Every structure is written in structure tokens, then in C-alpha cells.
Amino acid sequence: MLRLIGEHCRELAWGTAVGMVSEYRRVTVYGSGRDEILGTANSDHDLVVFLEGAGVAGAEAILDAPQWVEWRGGPAHEFSAA
């Protein structure tokens, strides 16, 4: 079983205007007894791409299923500051 973790992250975006902050979700998949950081997501579409890449059919329909996706550090589907 795979489990996708979307952890809300915030960092200073280097090489941009002073004070600009980049926000995203760090995406980690847990399965087969190991953890693998897949990358960063800036939208639900990015999460769907990660899930489809892991072989999950109907990925868009499971973004709100807690047995598949755990949203950490902020509300589900939020990728930037309000």
C-alpha cells in the first residue's frame, strides 16, 4: 500500500525579489517498507501526477481519502499562503 504525504513547506526563494517566499508541499510516498521523497507539489495536479507515476489508478478521486493522502502543516489542497 502506498501513502502520499503532502507536507506544507515555506522557504525564502533565492534569486528572486527580496522577501519573496516560496510555498509548496514536499511529497513523500510510504510503501513497501521504505520512504521515498518524490519532489515538491504546487497544485493538486502535481499530486495526481505523483500518484499516477506510482501506479495508482483514479488518482484524482483519492486526494481526500485519508488512507491514501495525509495533508500536513496546513489545510488540504492549500499550496500557498492565504
PDB file of N, CA and C in Angstrom:
ATOM      1  N   MET A   1       0.844  -1.193   0.000  1.00  0.00           N
ATOM      2  CA  MET A   1       0.000   0.000   0.000  1.00  0.00           C
ATOM      3  C   MET A   1       0.879   1.243   0.000  1.00  0.00           C
ATOM      4  N   LEU A   2       0.536   2.196  -0.789  1.00  0.00           N
ATOM      5  CA  LEU A   2       1.244   3.470  -0.853  1.00  0.00           C
ATOM      6  C   LEU A   2       0.486   4.497  -0.037  1.00  0.00           C
ATOM      7  N   ARG A   3       1.216   5.426   0.533  1.00  0.00           N
ATOM      8  CA  ARG A   3       0.598   6.550   1.232  1.00  0.00           C
ATOM      9  C   ARG A   3       1.376   7.789   0.859  1.00  0.00           C
ATOM     10  N   LEU A   4       0.697   8.788   0.340  1.00  0.00           N
ATOM     11  CA  LEU A   4       1.317  10.028  -0.093  1.00  0.00           C
ATOM     12  C   LEU A   4       1.193  11.061   1.016  1.00  0.00           C
ATOM     13  N   ILE A   5       2.297  11.689   1.370  1.00  0.00           N
ATOM     14  CA  ILE A   5       2.303  12.730   2.399  1.00  0.00           C
ATOM     15  C   ILE A   5       2.568  14.068   1.717  1.00  0.00           C
ATOM     16  N   GLY A   6       1.674  15.016   1.916  1.00  0.00           N
ATOM     17  CA  GLY A   6       1.864  16.364   1.393  1.00  0.00           C
ATOM     18  C   GLY A   6       2.145  17.309   2.542  1.00  0.00           C
ATOM     19  N   GLU A   7       3.406  17.593   2.788  1.00  0.00           N
ATOM     20  CA  GLU A   7       3.806  18.428   3.924  1.00  0.00           C
ATOM     21  C   GLU A   7       4.022  19.864   3.471  1.00  0.00           C
ATOM     22  N   HIS A   8       3.257  20.788   4.063  1.00  0.00           N
ATOM     23  CA  HIS A   8       3.349  22.204   3.684  1.00  0.00           C
ATOM     24  C   HIS A   8       4.697  22.766   4.091  1.00  0.00           C
ATOM     25  N   CYS A   9       5.376  23.402   3.162  1.00  0.00           N
ATOM     26  CA  CYS A   9       6.701  23.969   3.408  1.00  0.00           C
ATOM     27  C   CYS A   9       6.734  25.416   2.961  1.00  0.00           C
ATOM     28  N   ARG A  10       7.633  26.148   3.564  1.00  0.00           N
ATOM     29  CA  ARG A  10       7.796  27.562   3.258  1.00  0.00           C
ATOM     30  C   ARG A  10       9.273  27.879   3.304  1.00  0.00           C
ATOM     31  N   GLU A  11       9.778  28.573   2.302  1.00  0.00           N
ATOM     32  CA  GLU A  11      11.193  28.948   2.322  1.00  0.00           C
ATOM     33  C   GLU A  11      11.404  30.228   1.535  1.00  0.00           C
ATOM     34  N   LEU A  12      12.499  30.890   1.847  1.00  0.00           N
ATOM     35  CA  LEU A  12      12.883  32.079   1.108  1.00  0.00           C
ATOM     36  C   LEU A  12      13.308  31.648  -0.278  1.00  0.00           C
ATOM     37  N   ALA A  13      12.748  32.251  -1.290  1.00  0.00           N
ATOM     38  CA  ALA A  13      13.067  31.888  -2.673  1.00  0.00           C
ATOM     39  C   ALA A  13      14.299  32.672  -3.116  1.00  0.00           C
ATOM     40  N   TRP A  14      15.423  32.013  -3.199  1.00  0.00           N
ATOM     41  CA  TRP A  14      16.675  32.654  -3.590  1.00  0.00           C
ATOM     42  C   TRP A  14      16.635  33.061  -5.048  1.00  0.00           C
ATOM     43  N   GLY A  15      17.284  34.157  -5.371  1.00  0.00           N
ATOM     44  CA  GLY A  15      17.351  34.637  -6.747  1.00  0.00           C
ATOM     45  C   GLY A  15      16.085  35.359  -7.178  1.00  0.00           C
ATOM     46  N   THR A  16      15.224  35.689  -6.234  1.00  0.00           N
ATOM     47  CA  THR A  16      14.008  36.423  -6.555  1.00  0.00           C
ATOM     48  C   THR A  16      14.004  37.720  -5.770  1.00  0.00           C
ATOM     49  N   ALA A  17      12.943  38.444  -5.864  1.00  0.00           N
ATOM     50  CA  ALA A  17      12.831  39.708  -5.140  1.00  0.00           C
ATOM     51  C   ALA A  17      13.038  39.472  -3.645  1.00  0.00           C
ATOM     52  N   VAL A  18      13.648  40.421  -2.993  1.00  0.00           N
ATOM     53  CA  VAL A  18      13.916  40.307  -1.559  1.00  0.00           C
ATOM     54  C   VAL A  18      12.606  40.094  -0.810  1.00  0.00           C
ATOM     55  N   GLY A  19      12.618  39.138   0.091  1.00  0.00           N
ATOM     56  CA  GLY A  19      11.451  38.879   0.915  1.00  0.00           C
ATOM     57  C   GLY A  19      10.424  37.952   0.286  1.00  0.00           C
ATOM     58  N   MET A  20      10.643  37.539  -0.952  1.00  0.00           N
ATOM     59  CA  MET A  20       9.686  36.637  -1.601  1.00  0.00           C
ATOM     60  C   MET A  20       9.792  35.245  -0.990  1.00  0.00           C
ATOM     61  N   VAL A  21       8.653  34.637  -0.715  1.00  0.00           N
ATOM     62  CA  VAL A  21       8.616  33.324  -0.080  1.00  0.00           C
ATOM     63  C   VAL A  21       7.986  32.327  -1.042  1.00  0.00           C
ATOM     64  N   SER A  22       8.601  31.168  -1.122  1.00  0.00           N
ATOM     65  CA  SER A  22       8.078  30.081  -1.946  1.00  0.00           C
ATOM     66  C   SER A  22       7.340  29.104  -1.042  1.00  0.00           C
ATOM     67  N   GLU A  23       6.127  28.717  -1.425  1.00  0.00           N
ATOM     68  CA  GLU A  23       5.360  27.755  -0.639  1.00  0.00           C
ATOM     69  C   GLU A  23       4.959  26.598  -1.537  1.00  0.00           C
ATOM     70  N   TYR A  24       4.989  25.414  -0.982  1.00  0.00           N
ATOM     71  CA  TYR A  24       4.730  24.200  -1.744  1.00  0.00           C
ATOM     72  C   TYR A  24       4.464  23.061  -0.769  1.00  0.00           C
ATOM     73  N   ARG A  25       4.210  21.897  -1.289  1.00  0.00           N
ATOM     74  CA  ARG A  25       4.092  20.686  -0.479  1.00  0.00           C
ATOM     75  C   ARG A  25       5.238  19.762  -0.846  1.00  0.00           C
ATOM     76  N   ARG A  26       6.007  19.347   0.159  1.00  0.00           N
ATOM     77  CA  ARG A  26       7.016  18.310  -0.068  1.00  0.00           C
ATOM     78  C   ARG A  26       6.263  16.990  -0.099  1.00  0.00           C
ATOM     79  N   VAL A  27       6.482  16.198  -1.127  1.00  0.00           N
ATOM     80  CA  VAL A  27       5.714  14.974  -1.336  1.00  0.00           C
ATOM     81  C   VAL A  27       6.589  13.755  -1.065  1.00  0.00           C
ATOM     82  N   THR A  28       6.120  12.932  -0.131  1.00  0.00           N
ATOM     83  CA  THR A  28       6.810  11.700   0.236  1.00  0.00           C
ATOM     84  C   THR A  28       5.835  10.549   0.082  1.00  0.00           C
ATOM     85  N   VAL A  29       6.302   9.446  -0.455  1.00  0.00           N
ATOM     86  CA  VAL A  29       5.457   8.264  -0.563  1.00  0.00           C
ATOM     87  C   VAL A  29       6.016   7.192   0.368  1.00  0.00           C
ATOM     88  N   TYR A  30       5.116   6.559   1.116  1.00  0.00           N
ATOM     89  CA  TYR A  30       5.474   5.484   2.026  1.00  0.00           C
ATOM     90  C   TYR A  30       4.893   4.196   1.466  1.00  0.00           C
ATOM     91  N   GLY A  31       5.712   3.207   1.292  1.00  0.00           N
ATOM     92  CA  GLY A  31       5.224   1.928   0.788  1.00  0.00           C
ATOM     93  C   GLY A  31       6.357   0.930   0.697  1.00  0.00           C
ATOM     94  N   SER A  32       6.006  -0.334   0.727  1.00  0.00           N
ATOM     95  CA  SER A  32       6.990  -1.421   0.613  1.00  0.00           C
ATOM     96  C   SER A  32       8.091  -1.308   1.661  1.00  0.00           C
ATOM     97  N   GLY A  33       7.731  -0.797   2.848  1.00  0.00           N
ATOM     98  CA  GLY A  33       8.691  -0.714   3.943  1.00  0.00           C
ATOM     99  C   GLY A  33       9.738   0.367   3.801  1.00  0.00           C
ATOM    100  N   ARG A  34       9.526   1.336   2.916  1.00  0.00           N
ATOM    101  CA  ARG A  34      10.509   2.410   2.768  1.00  0.00           C
ATOM    102  C   ARG A  34       9.817   3.734   2.458  1.00  0.00           C
ATOM    103  N   ASP A  35      10.532   4.823   2.693  1.00  0.00           N
ATOM    104  CA  ASP A  35      10.050   6.170   2.395  1.00  0.00           C
ATOM    105  C   ASP A  35      10.817   6.683   1.189  1.00  0.00           C
ATOM    106  N   GLU A  36      10.128   7.408   0.328  1.00  0.00           N
ATOM    107  CA  GLU A  36      10.802   8.000  -0.823  1.00  0.00           C
ATOM    108  C   GLU A  36      10.263   9.399  -1.048  1.00  0.00           C
ATOM    109  N   ILE A  37      11.152  10.397  -1.020  1.00  0.00           N
ATOM    110  CA  ILE A  37      10.752  11.769  -1.326  1.00  0.00           C
ATOM    111  C   ILE A  37      10.646  11.866  -2.844  1.00  0.00           C
ATOM    112  N   LEU A  38       9.453  12.229  -3.327  1.00  0.00           N
ATOM    113  CA  LEU A  38       9.219  12.304  -4.762  1.00  0.00           C
ATOM    114  C   LEU A  38       9.539  13.672  -5.335  1.00  0.00           C
ATOM    115  N   GLY A  39       9.394  14.712  -4.521  1.00  0.00           N
ATOM    116  CA  GLY A  39       9.647  16.064  -5.009  1.00  0.00           C
ATOM    117  C   GLY A  39       8.732  17.052  -4.326  1.00  0.00           C
ATOM    118  N   THR A  40       8.412  18.116  -5.030  1.00  0.00           N
ATOM    119  CA  THR A  40       7.540  19.144  -4.477  1.00  0.00           C
ATOM    120  C   THR A  40       6.324  19.334  -5.380  1.00  0.00           C
ATOM    121  N   ALA A  41       5.217  19.686  -4.756  1.00  0.00           N
ATOM    122  CA  ALA A  41       3.969  19.918  -5.484  1.00  0.00           C
ATOM    123  C   ALA A  41       3.503  21.341  -5.223  1.00  0.00           C
ATOM    124  N   ASN A  42       2.993  21.968  -6.275  1.00  0.00           N
ATOM    125  CA  ASN A  42       2.440  23.310  -6.171  1.00  0.00           C
ATOM    126  C   ASN A  42       0.948  23.332  -6.464  1.00  0.00           C
ATOM    127  N   SER A  43       0.370  22.141  -6.712  1.00  0.00           N
ATOM    128  CA  SER A  43      -1.054  22.051  -7.036  1.00  0.00           C
ATOM    129  C   SER A  43      -1.534  20.619  -6.835  1.00  0.00           C
ATOM    130  N   ASP A  44      -2.860  20.451  -6.809  1.00  0.00           N
ATOM    131  CA  ASP A  44      -3.426  19.108  -6.755  1.00  0.00           C
ATOM    132  C   ASP A  44      -3.006  18.300  -7.973  1.00  0.00           C
ATOM    133  N   HIS A  45      -2.914  18.963  -9.122  1.00  0.00           N
ATOM    134  CA  HIS A  45      -2.496  18.258 -10.343  1.00  0.00           C
ATOM    135  C   HIS A  45      -1.127  17.611 -10.152  1.00  0.00           C
ATOM    136  N   ASP A  46      -0.210  18.315  -9.506  1.00  0.00           N
ATOM    137  CA  ASP A  46       1.115  17.737  -9.242  1.00  0.00           C
ATOM    138  C   ASP A  46       0.993  16.461  -8.402  1.00  0.00           C
ATOM    139  N   LEU A  47       0.121  16.484  -7.397  1.00  0.00           N
ATOM    140  CA  LEU A  47      -0.081  15.288  -6.562  1.00  0.00           C
ATOM    141  C   LEU A  47      -0.645  14.131  -7.383  1.00  0.00           C
ATOM    142  N   VAL A  48      -1.586  14.436  -8.268  1.00  0.00           N
ATOM    143  CA  VAL A  48      -2.164  13.401  -9.135  1.00  0.00           C
ATOM    144  C   VAL A  48      -1.075  12.781 -10.002  1.00  0.00           C
ATOM    145  N   VAL A  49      -0.195  13.602 -10.538  1.00  0.00           N
ATOM    146  CA  VAL A  49       0.903  13.090 -11.367  1.00  0.00           C
ATOM    147  C   VAL A  49       1.797  12.155 -10.551  1.00  0.00           C
ATOM    148  N   PHE A  50       2.113  12.522  -9.310  1.00  0.00           N
ATOM    149  CA  PHE A  50       2.928  11.655  -8.449  1.00  0.00           C
ATOM    150  C   PHE A  50       2.226  10.317  -8.210  1.00  0.00           C
ATOM    151  N   LEU A  51       0.924  10.352  -7.893  1.00  0.00           N
ATOM    152  CA  LEU A  51       0.186   9.122  -7.645  1.00  0.00           C
ATOM    153  C   LEU A  51       0.098   8.244  -8.888  1.00  0.00           C
ATOM    154  N   GLU A  52      -0.181   8.858 -10.026  1.00  0.00           N
ATOM    155  CA  GLU A  52      -0.246   8.089 -11.271  1.00  0.00           C
ATOM    156  C   GLU A  52       1.106   7.458 -11.590  1.00  0.00           C
ATOM    157  N   GLY A  53       2.182   8.192 -11.305  1.00  0.00           N
ATOM    158  CA  GLY A  53       3.527   7.664 -11.516  1.00  0.00           C
ATOM    159  C   GLY A  53       3.829   6.473 -10.613  1.00  0.00           C
ATOM    160  N   ALA A  54       3.134   6.416  -9.474  1.00  0.00           N
ATOM    161  CA  ALA A  54       3.310   5.294  -8.553  1.00  0.00           C
ATOM    162  C   ALA A  54       2.365   4.144  -8.898  1.00  0.00           C
ATOM    163  N   GLY A  55       1.595   4.308  -9.995  1.00  0.00           N
ATOM    164  CA  GLY A  55       0.721   3.238 -10.447  1.00  0.00           C
ATOM    165  C   GLY A  55      -0.673   3.241  -9.866  1.00  0.00           C
ATOM    166  N   VAL A  56      -1.098   4.370  -9.288  1.00  0.00           N
ATOM    167  CA  VAL A  56      -2.426   4.458  -8.686  1.00  0.00           C
ATOM    168  C   VAL A  56      -3.440   4.901  -9.745  1.00  0.00           C
ATOM    169  N   ALA A  57      -4.425   4.058 -10.012  1.00  0.00           N
ATOM    170  CA  ALA A  57      -5.489   4.401 -10.957  1.00  0.00           C
ATOM    171  C   ALA A  57      -6.511   5.300 -10.263  1.00  0.00           C
ATOM    172  N   GLY A  58      -7.081   6.254 -10.988  1.00  0.00           N
ATOM    173  CA  GLY A  58      -8.091   7.140 -10.409  1.00  0.00           C
ATOM    174  C   GLY A  58      -7.529   8.042  -9.334  1.00  0.00           C
ATOM    175  N   ALA A  59      -6.307   8.497  -9.536  1.00  0.00           N
ATOM    176  CA  ALA A  59      -5.591   9.272  -8.512  1.00  0.00           C
ATOM    177  C   ALA A  59      -6.333  10.526  -8.066  1.00  0.00           C
ATOM    178  N   GLU A  60      -6.989  11.212  -8.991  1.00  0.00           N
ATOM    179  CA  GLU A  60      -7.674  12.460  -8.639  1.00  0.00           C
ATOM    180  C   GLU A  60      -8.784  12.231  -7.611  1.00  0.00           C
ATOM    181  N   ALA A  61      -9.412  11.072  -7.674  1.00  0.00           N
ATOM    182  CA  ALA A  61     -10.535  10.775  -6.789  1.00  0.00           C
ATOM    183  C   ALA A  61     -10.114  10.456  -5.354  1.00  0.00           C
ATOM    184  N   ILE A  62      -8.832  10.213  -5.112  1.00  0.00           N
ATOM    185  CA  ILE A  62      -8.414   9.807  -3.759  1.00  0.00           C
ATOM    186  C   ILE A  62      -7.682  10.890  -2.978  1.00  0.00           C
ATOM    187  N   LEU A  63      -7.600  12.105  -3.514  1.00  0.00           N
ATOM    188  CA  LEU A  63      -6.879  13.159  -2.806  1.00  0.00           C
ATOM    189  C   LEU A  63      -7.465  13.474  -1.439  1.00  0.00           C
ATOM    190  N   ASP A  64      -8.747  13.201  -1.233  1.00  0.00           N
ATOM    191  CA  ASP A  64      -9.379  13.454   0.062  1.00  0.00           C
ATOM    192  C   ASP A  64      -9.562  12.186   0.879  1.00  0.00           C
ATOM    193  N   ALA A  65      -8.972  11.088   0.440  1.00  0.00           N
ATOM    194  CA  ALA A  65      -9.087   9.815   1.163  1.00  0.00           C
ATOM    195  C   ALA A  65      -7.910   9.689   2.135  1.00  0.00           C
ATOM    196  N   PRO A  66      -8.173   9.773   3.443  1.00  0.00           N
ATOM    197  CA  PRO A  66      -7.075   9.766   4.421  1.00  0.00           C
ATOM    198  C   PRO A  66      -6.236   8.497   4.423  1.00  0.00           C
ATOM    199  N   GLN A  67      -6.758   7.396   3.914  1.00  0.00           N
ATOM    200  CA  GLN A  67      -5.944   6.184   3.848  1.00  0.00           C
ATOM    201  C   GLN A  67      -4.898   6.271   2.727  1.00  0.00           C
ATOM    202  N   TRP A  68      -5.055   7.238   1.834  1.00  0.00           N
ATOM    203  CA  TRP A  68      -4.111   7.420   0.728  1.00  0.00           C
ATOM    204  C   TRP A  68      -3.249   8.672   0.870  1.00  0.00           C
ATOM    205  N   VAL A  69      -3.866   9.777   1.286  1.00  0.00           N
ATOM    206  CA  VAL A  69      -3.158  11.066   1.315  1.00  0.00           C
ATOM    207  C   VAL A  69      -3.265  11.686   2.697  1.00  0.00           C
ATOM    208  N   GLU A  70      -2.132  12.088   3.241  1.00  0.00           N
ATOM    209  CA  GLU A  70      -2.088  12.781   4.527  1.00  0.00           C
ATOM    210  C   GLU A  70      -1.574  14.193   4.274  1.00  0.00           C
ATOM    211  N   TRP A  71      -2.385  15.164   4.632  1.00  0.00           N
ATOM    212  CA  TRP A  71      -2.006  16.566   4.457  1.00  0.00           C
ATOM    213  C   TRP A  71      -1.418  17.054   5.781  1.00  0.00           C
ATOM    214  N   ARG A  72      -0.182  17.541   5.761  1.00  0.00           N
ATOM    215  CA  ARG A  72       0.489  18.008   6.986  1.00  0.00           C
ATOM    216  C   ARG A  72       0.820  19.494   6.889  1.00  0.00           C
ATOM    217  N   GLY A  73       0.739  20.170   8.024  1.00  0.00           N
ATOM    218  CA  GLY A  73       1.213  21.542   8.121  1.00  0.00           C
ATOM    219  C   GLY A  73       0.311  22.592   7.528  1.00  0.00           C
ATOM    220  N   GLY A  74      -0.870  22.231   7.101  1.00  0.00           N
ATOM    221  CA  GLY A  74      -1.806  23.190   6.524  1.00  0.00           C
ATOM    222  C   GLY A  74      -3.028  22.470   5.989  1.00  0.00           C
ATOM    223  N   PRO A  75      -4.039  23.221   5.634  1.00  0.00           N
ATOM    224  CA  PRO A  75      -5.275  22.617   5.133  1.00  0.00           C
ATOM    225  C   PRO A  75      -5.040  21.841   3.830  1.00  0.00           C
ATOM    226  N   ALA A  76      -5.864  20.844   3.601  1.00  0.00           N
ATOM    227  CA  ALA A  76      -5.811  20.086   2.349  1.00  0.00           C
ATOM    228  C   ALA A  76      -6.004  21.019   1.158  1.00  0.00           C
ATOM    229  N   HIS A  77      -5.302  20.752   0.100  1.00  0.00           N
ATOM    230  CA  HIS A  77      -5.409  21.464  -1.174  1.00  0.00           C
ATOM    231  C   HIS A  77      -4.859  22.888  -1.118  1.00  0.00           C
ATOM    232  N   GLU A  78      -4.206  23.277  -0.041  1.00  0.00           N
ATOM    233  CA  GLU A  78      -3.632  24.619   0.063  1.00  0.00           C
ATOM    234  C   GLU A  78      -2.134  24.528  -0.191  1.00  0.00           C
ATOM    235  N   PHE A  79      -1.677  25.320  -1.148  1.00  0.00           N
ATOM    236  CA  PHE A  79      -0.276  25.268  -1.531  1.00  0.00           C
ATOM    237  C   PHE A  79       0.442  26.598  -1.326  1.00  0.00           C
ATOM    238  N   SER A  80      -0.291  27.640  -0.979  1.00  0.00           N
ATOM    239  CA  SER A  80       0.333  28.940  -0.742  1.00  0.00           C
ATOM    240  C   SER A  80      -0.385  29.646   0.388  1.00  0.00           C
ATOM    241  N   ALA A  81       0.231  30.707   0.867  1.00  0.00           N
ATOM    242  CA  ALA A  81      -0.350  31.466   1.972  1.00  0.00           C
ATOM    243  C   ALA A  81      -1.648  32.127   1.530  1.00  0.00           C
ATOM    244  N   ALA A  82      -2.578  32.198   2.436  1.00  0.00           N
ATOM    245  CA  ALA A  82      -3.877  32.835   2.134  1.00  0.00           C
ATOM    246  C   ALA A  82      -3.726  34.327   2.152  1.00  0.00           C
TER     247      ALA A  82
END
